[in-house]
PDB file of N, CA and C in Angstrom:
ATOM      1  N   MET A   1     -28.414 -48.881 -51.467  1.00  0.00           N
ATOM      2  CA  MET A   1     -27.588 -49.979 -51.003  1.00  0.00           C
ATOM      3  C   MET A   1     -28.372 -50.805 -49.990  1.00  0.00           C
ATOM      4  N   ALA A   2     -28.104 -52.077 -49.949  1.00  0.00           N
ATOM      5  CA  ALA A   2     -28.804 -52.981 -49.035  1.00  0.00           C
ATOM      6  C   ALA A   2     -28.396 -52.707 -47.588  1.00  0.00           C
ATOM      7  N   GLN A   3     -29.271 -53.089 -46.705  1.00  0.00           N
ATOM      8  CA  GLN A   3     -28.991 -52.938 -45.281  1.00  0.00           C
ATOM      9  C   GLN A   3     -29.100 -54.289 -44.603  1.00  0.00           C
ATOM     10  N   LEU A   4     -28.373 -54.440 -43.509  1.00  0.00           N
ATOM     11  CA  LEU A   4     -28.358 -55.681 -42.743  1.00  0.00           C
ATOM     12  C   LEU A   4     -28.845 -55.408 -41.327  1.00  0.00           C
ATOM     13  N   LYS A   5     -29.747 -56.258 -40.850  1.00  0.00           N
ATOM     14  CA  LYS A   5     -30.191 -56.190 -39.459  1.00  0.00           C
ATOM     15  C   LYS A   5     -29.381 -57.229 -38.693  1.00  0.00           C
ATOM     16  N   VAL A   6     -28.596 -56.776 -37.725  1.00  0.00           N
ATOM     17  CA  VAL A   6     -27.720 -57.642 -36.947  1.00  0.00           C
ATOM     18  C   VAL A   6     -28.288 -57.729 -35.540  1.00  0.00           C
ATOM     19  N   THR A   7     -28.533 -58.954 -35.056  1.00  0.00           N
ATOM     20  CA  THR A   7     -29.101 -59.186 -33.735  1.00  0.00           C
ATOM     21  C   THR A   7     -28.154 -60.073 -32.937  1.00  0.00           C
ATOM     22  N   GLN A   8     -27.803 -59.622 -31.739  1.00  0.00           N
ATOM     23  CA  GLN A   8     -26.952 -60.427 -30.855  1.00  0.00           C
ATOM     24  C   GLN A   8     -27.804 -61.514 -30.211  1.00  0.00           C
ATOM     25  N   ILE A   9     -27.359 -62.784 -30.297  1.00  0.00           N
ATOM     26  CA  ILE A   9     -28.135 -63.887 -29.738  1.00  0.00           C
ATOM     27  C   ILE A   9     -27.414 -64.605 -28.608  1.00  0.00           C
ATOM     28  N   LYS A  10     -26.114 -64.364 -28.468  1.00  0.00           N
ATOM     29  CA  LYS A  10     -25.350 -65.006 -27.404  1.00  0.00           C
ATOM     30  C   LYS A  10     -24.559 -63.966 -26.636  1.00  0.00           C
ATOM     31  N   SER A  11     -24.193 -64.309 -25.408  1.00  0.00           N
ATOM     32  CA  SER A  11     -23.461 -63.400 -24.541  1.00  0.00           C
ATOM     33  C   SER A  11     -22.023 -63.243 -24.990  1.00  0.00           C
ATOM     34  N   LYS A  12     -21.469 -62.072 -24.721  1.00  0.00           N
ATOM     35  CA  LYS A  12     -20.061 -61.829 -25.028  1.00  0.00           C
ATOM     36  C   LYS A  12     -19.146 -62.202 -23.864  1.00  0.00           C
ATOM     37  N   ILE A  13     -19.716 -62.654 -22.768  1.00  0.00           N
ATOM     38  CA  ILE A  13     -18.920 -63.063 -21.615  1.00  0.00           C
ATOM     39  C   ILE A  13     -18.062 -64.268 -22.000  1.00  0.00           C
ATOM     40  N   GLY A  14     -16.793 -64.205 -21.711  1.00  0.00           N
ATOM     41  CA  GLY A  14     -15.889 -65.302 -21.998  1.00  0.00           C
ATOM     42  C   GLY A  14     -15.325 -65.300 -23.408  1.00  0.00           C
ATOM     43  N   THR A  15     -15.662 -64.291 -24.206  1.00  0.00           N
ATOM     44  CA  THR A  15     -15.136 -64.223 -25.567  1.00  0.00           C
ATOM     45  C   THR A  15     -13.843 -63.413 -25.596  1.00  0.00           C
ATOM     46  N   LYS A  16     -13.162 -63.453 -26.716  1.00  0.00           N
ATOM     47  CA  LYS A  16     -11.930 -62.700 -26.878  1.00  0.00           C
ATOM     48  C   LYS A  16     -12.213 -61.200 -26.898  1.00  0.00           C
ATOM     49  N   HIS A  17     -11.203 -60.444 -26.533  1.00  0.00           N
ATOM     50  CA  HIS A  17     -11.336 -58.983 -26.509  1.00  0.00           C
ATOM     51  C   HIS A  17     -11.724 -58.442 -27.892  1.00  0.00           C
ATOM     52  N   ALA A  18     -11.144 -59.000 -28.934  1.00  0.00           N
ATOM     53  CA  ALA A  18     -11.448 -58.541 -30.294  1.00  0.00           C
ATOM     54  C   ALA A  18     -12.918 -58.771 -30.648  1.00  0.00           C
ATOM     55  N   HIS A  19     -13.500 -59.868 -30.168  1.00  0.00           N
ATOM     56  CA  HIS A  19     -14.918 -60.143 -30.430  1.00  0.00           C
ATOM     57  C   HIS A  19     -15.796 -59.144 -29.693  1.00  0.00           C
ATOM     58  N   ARG A  20     -15.445 -58.843 -28.451  1.00  0.00           N
ATOM     59  CA  ARG A  20     -16.218 -57.851 -27.688  1.00  0.00           C
ATOM     60  C   ARG A  20     -16.157 -56.485 -28.359  1.00  0.00           C
ATOM     61  N   GLU A  21     -14.986 -56.127 -28.884  1.00  0.00           N
ATOM     62  CA  GLU A  21     -14.838 -54.852 -29.575  1.00  0.00           C
ATOM     63  C   GLU A  21     -15.615 -54.836 -30.891  1.00  0.00           C
ATOM     64  N   SER A  22     -15.663 -55.950 -31.577  1.00  0.00           N
ATOM     65  CA  SER A  22     -16.443 -56.029 -32.816  1.00  0.00           C
ATOM     66  C   SER A  22     -17.925 -55.823 -32.528  1.00  0.00           C
ATOM     67  N   LEU A  23     -18.435 -56.437 -31.462  1.00  0.00           N
ATOM     68  CA  LEU A  23     -19.838 -56.239 -31.088  1.00  0.00           C
ATOM     69  C   LEU A  23     -20.096 -54.778 -30.741  1.00  0.00           C
ATOM     70  N   ARG A  24     -19.173 -54.162 -30.011  1.00  0.00           N
ATOM     71  CA  ARG A  24     -19.330 -52.755 -29.626  1.00  0.00           C
ATOM     72  C   ARG A  24     -19.335 -51.869 -30.869  1.00  0.00           C
ATOM     73  N   THR A  25     -18.457 -52.162 -31.823  1.00  0.00           N
ATOM     74  CA  THR A  25     -18.394 -51.384 -33.058  1.00  0.00           C
ATOM     75  C   THR A  25     -19.681 -51.529 -33.865  1.00  0.00           C
ATOM     76  N   LEU A  26     -20.281 -52.707 -33.822  1.00  0.00           N
ATOM     77  CA  LEU A  26     -21.565 -52.907 -34.502  1.00  0.00           C
ATOM     78  C   LEU A  26     -22.712 -52.236 -33.754  1.00  0.00           C
ATOM     79  N   GLY A  27     -22.484 -51.802 -32.523  1.00  0.00           N
ATOM     80  CA  GLY A  27     -23.521 -51.131 -31.742  1.00  0.00           C
ATOM     81  C   GLY A  27     -24.348 -52.077 -30.905  1.00  0.00           C
ATOM     82  N   LEU A  28     -23.822 -53.268 -30.612  1.00  0.00           N
ATOM     83  CA  LEU A  28     -24.555 -54.261 -29.840  1.00  0.00           C
ATOM     84  C   LEU A  28     -23.998 -54.343 -28.431  1.00  0.00           C
ATOM     85  N   HIS A  29     -24.892 -54.299 -27.440  1.00  0.00           N
ATOM     86  CA  HIS A  29     -24.475 -54.320 -26.044  1.00  0.00           C
ATOM     87  C   HIS A  29     -25.189 -55.392 -25.224  1.00  0.00           C
ATOM     88  N   LYS A  30     -26.386 -55.785 -25.656  1.00  0.00           N
ATOM     89  CA  LYS A  30     -27.185 -56.746 -24.899  1.00  0.00           C
ATOM     90  C   LYS A  30     -27.681 -57.862 -25.812  1.00  0.00           C
ATOM     91  N   ILE A  31     -28.013 -58.990 -25.212  1.00  0.00           N
ATOM     92  CA  ILE A  31     -28.613 -60.083 -25.970  1.00  0.00           C
ATOM     93  C   ILE A  31     -29.989 -59.641 -26.465  1.00  0.00           C
ATOM     94  N   ARG A  32     -30.343 -60.035 -27.679  1.00  0.00           N
ATOM     95  CA  ARG A  32     -31.584 -59.697 -28.387  1.00  0.00           C
ATOM     96  C   ARG A  32     -31.650 -58.230 -28.817  1.00  0.00           C
ATOM     97  N   GLN A  33     -30.558 -57.499 -28.719  1.00  0.00           N
ATOM     98  CA  GLN A  33     -30.514 -56.132 -29.227  1.00  0.00           C
ATOM     99  C   GLN A  33     -30.176 -56.189 -30.712  1.00  0.00           C
ATOM    100  N   SER A  34     -30.816 -55.328 -31.508  1.00  0.00           N
ATOM    101  CA  SER A  34     -30.594 -55.313 -32.953  1.00  0.00           C
ATOM    102  C   SER A  34     -30.153 -53.940 -33.411  1.00  0.00           C
ATOM    103  N   THR A  35     -29.368 -53.920 -34.474  1.00  0.00           N
ATOM    104  CA  THR A  35     -29.008 -52.685 -35.149  1.00  0.00           C
ATOM    105  C   THR A  35     -29.116 -52.918 -36.650  1.00  0.00           C
ATOM    106  N   VAL A  36     -29.318 -51.844 -37.387  1.00  0.00           N
ATOM    107  CA  VAL A  36     -29.382 -51.916 -38.845  1.00  0.00           C
ATOM    108  C   VAL A  36     -28.163 -51.178 -39.380  1.00  0.00           C
ATOM    109  N   ARG A  37     -27.387 -51.855 -40.224  1.00  0.00           N
ATOM    110  CA  ARG A  37     -26.151 -51.307 -40.775  1.00  0.00           C
ATOM    111  C   ARG A  37     -26.161 -51.428 -42.288  1.00  0.00           C
ATOM    112  N   GLU A  38     -25.432 -50.529 -42.950  1.00  0.00           N
ATOM    113  CA  GLU A  38     -25.246 -50.626 -44.393  1.00  0.00           C
ATOM    114  C   GLU A  38     -24.428 -51.871 -44.708  1.00  0.00           C
ATOM    115  N   ASP A  39     -24.707 -52.494 -45.832  1.00  0.00           N
ATOM    116  CA  ASP A  39     -23.986 -53.695 -46.256  1.00  0.00           C
ATOM    117  C   ASP A  39     -22.693 -53.271 -46.951  1.00  0.00           C
ATOM    118  N   THR A  40     -21.618 -53.116 -46.159  1.00  0.00           N
ATOM    119  CA  THR A  40     -20.310 -52.744 -46.689  1.00  0.00           C
ATOM    120  C   THR A  40     -19.313 -53.847 -46.352  1.00  0.00           C
ATOM    121  N   PRO A  41     -18.183 -53.881 -47.026  1.00  0.00           N
ATOM    122  CA  PRO A  41     -17.167 -54.892 -46.705  1.00  0.00           C
ATOM    123  C   PRO A  41     -16.674 -54.796 -45.260  1.00  0.00           C
ATOM    124  N   GLU A  42     -16.598 -53.593 -44.713  1.00  0.00           N
ATOM    125  CA  GLU A  42     -16.144 -53.417 -43.339  1.00  0.00           C
ATOM    126  C   GLU A  42     -17.117 -54.058 -42.348  1.00  0.00           C
ATOM    127  N   VAL A  43     -18.405 -53.824 -42.573  1.00  0.00           N
ATOM    128  CA  VAL A  43     -19.433 -54.396 -41.694  1.00  0.00           C
ATOM    129  C   VAL A  43     -19.470 -55.910 -41.858  1.00  0.00           C
ATOM    130  N   ARG A  44     -19.331 -56.391 -43.084  1.00  0.00           N
ATOM    131  CA  ARG A  44     -19.297 -57.841 -43.316  1.00  0.00           C
ATOM    132  C   ARG A  44     -18.136 -58.486 -42.563  1.00  0.00           C
ATOM    133  N   GLY A  45     -16.983 -57.818 -42.512  1.00  0.00           N
ATOM    134  CA  GLY A  45     -15.834 -58.334 -41.782  1.00  0.00           C
ATOM    135  C   GLY A  45     -16.090 -58.403 -40.292  1.00  0.00           C
ATOM    136  N   LEU A  46     -16.734 -57.377 -39.728  1.00  0.00           N
ATOM    137  CA  LEU A  46     -17.083 -57.393 -38.305  1.00  0.00           C
ATOM    138  C   LEU A  46     -18.054 -58.530 -38.007  1.00  0.00           C
ATOM    139  N   ILE A  47     -19.033 -58.708 -38.876  1.00  0.00           N
ATOM    140  CA  ILE A  47     -20.019 -59.774 -38.680  1.00  0.00           C
ATOM    141  C   ILE A  47     -19.353 -61.140 -38.771  1.00  0.00           C
ATOM    142  N   ARG A  48     -18.438 -61.297 -39.714  1.00  0.00           N
ATOM    143  CA  ARG A  48     -17.740 -62.581 -39.872  1.00  0.00           C
ATOM    144  C   ARG A  48     -16.951 -62.930 -38.618  1.00  0.00           C
ATOM    145  N   ALA A  49     -16.389 -61.923 -37.947  1.00  0.00           N
ATOM    146  CA  ALA A  49     -15.599 -62.166 -36.740  1.00  0.00           C
ATOM    147  C   ALA A  49     -16.458 -62.685 -35.588  1.00  0.00           C
ATOM    148  N   VAL A  50     -17.727 -62.276 -35.541  1.00  0.00           N
ATOM    149  CA  VAL A  50     -18.603 -62.653 -34.418  1.00  0.00           C
ATOM    150  C   VAL A  50     -19.823 -63.430 -34.902  1.00  0.00           C
ATOM    151  N   ARG A  51     -19.689 -64.168 -36.009  1.00  0.00           N
ATOM    152  CA  ARG A  51     -20.839 -64.868 -36.593  1.00  0.00           C
ATOM    153  C   ARG A  51     -21.450 -65.896 -35.660  1.00  0.00           C
ATOM    154  N   HIS A  52     -20.703 -66.359 -34.654  1.00  0.00           N
ATOM    155  CA  HIS A  52     -21.229 -67.329 -33.698  1.00  0.00           C
ATOM    156  C   HIS A  52     -22.041 -66.652 -32.591  1.00  0.00           C
ATOM    157  N   LEU A  53     -22.033 -65.317 -32.544  1.00  0.00           N
ATOM    158  CA  LEU A  53     -22.750 -64.574 -31.512  1.00  0.00           C
ATOM    159  C   LEU A  53     -23.959 -63.795 -32.064  1.00  0.00           C
ATOM    160  N   VAL A  54     -24.091 -63.707 -33.370  1.00  0.00           N
ATOM    161  CA  VAL A  54     -25.128 -62.869 -33.961  1.00  0.00           C
ATOM    162  C   VAL A  54     -25.913 -63.613 -35.036  1.00  0.00           C
ATOM    163  N   VAL A  55     -27.076 -63.032 -35.384  1.00  0.00           N
ATOM    164  CA  VAL A  55     -27.891 -63.486 -36.503  1.00  0.00           C
ATOM    165  C   VAL A  55     -28.047 -62.278 -37.419  1.00  0.00           C
ATOM    166  N   VAL A  56     -27.933 -62.504 -38.729  1.00  0.00           N
ATOM    167  CA  VAL A  56     -27.989 -61.418 -39.704  1.00  0.00           C
ATOM    168  C   VAL A  56     -29.155 -61.646 -40.648  1.00  0.00           C
ATOM    169  N   GLU A  57     -29.933 -60.581 -40.878  1.00  0.00           N
ATOM    170  CA  GLU A  57     -31.044 -60.610 -41.827  1.00  0.00           C
ATOM    171  C   GLU A  57     -30.880 -59.445 -42.790  1.00  0.00           C
ATOM    172  N   GLU A  58     -31.259 -59.642 -44.034  1.00  0.00           N
ATOM    173  CA  GLU A  58     -31.218 -58.538 -45.003  1.00  0.00           C
ATOM    174  C   GLU A  58     -32.523 -57.771 -44.913  1.00  0.00           C
ATOM    175  N   VAL A  59     -32.425 -56.448 -44.875  1.00  0.00           N
ATOM    176  CA  VAL A  59     -33.586 -55.575 -44.766  1.00  0.00           C
ATOM    177  C   VAL A  59     -33.782 -54.874 -46.109  1.00  0.00           C
ATOM    178  N   GLN A  60     -35.005 -54.902 -46.606  1.00  0.00           N
ATOM    179  CA  GLN A  60     -35.330 -54.195 -47.849  1.00  0.00           C
ATOM    180  C   GLN A  60     -35.581 -52.731 -47.527  1.00  0.00           C
ATOM    181  N   SER A  61     -34.892 -51.835 -48.233  1.00  0.00           N
ATOM    182  CA  SER A  61     -35.076 -50.405 -47.945  1.00  0.00           C
ATOM    183  C   SER A  61     -36.138 -49.784 -48.813  1.00  0.00           C
TER     184      SER A  61
END
């Protein structure tokens, strides 16, 4: 299955509580921090909620 590299590019300060929780669920805590996640519908939904705060790249496994 494909994997996605998710990198936080903007601060979560001043965002909604749900957005902060989505970032935490993705494993992101700091700006320029990256995590690699499986490409599942659940992860896609989390990314869609915070698409203005993150950058997503597809990683070849």
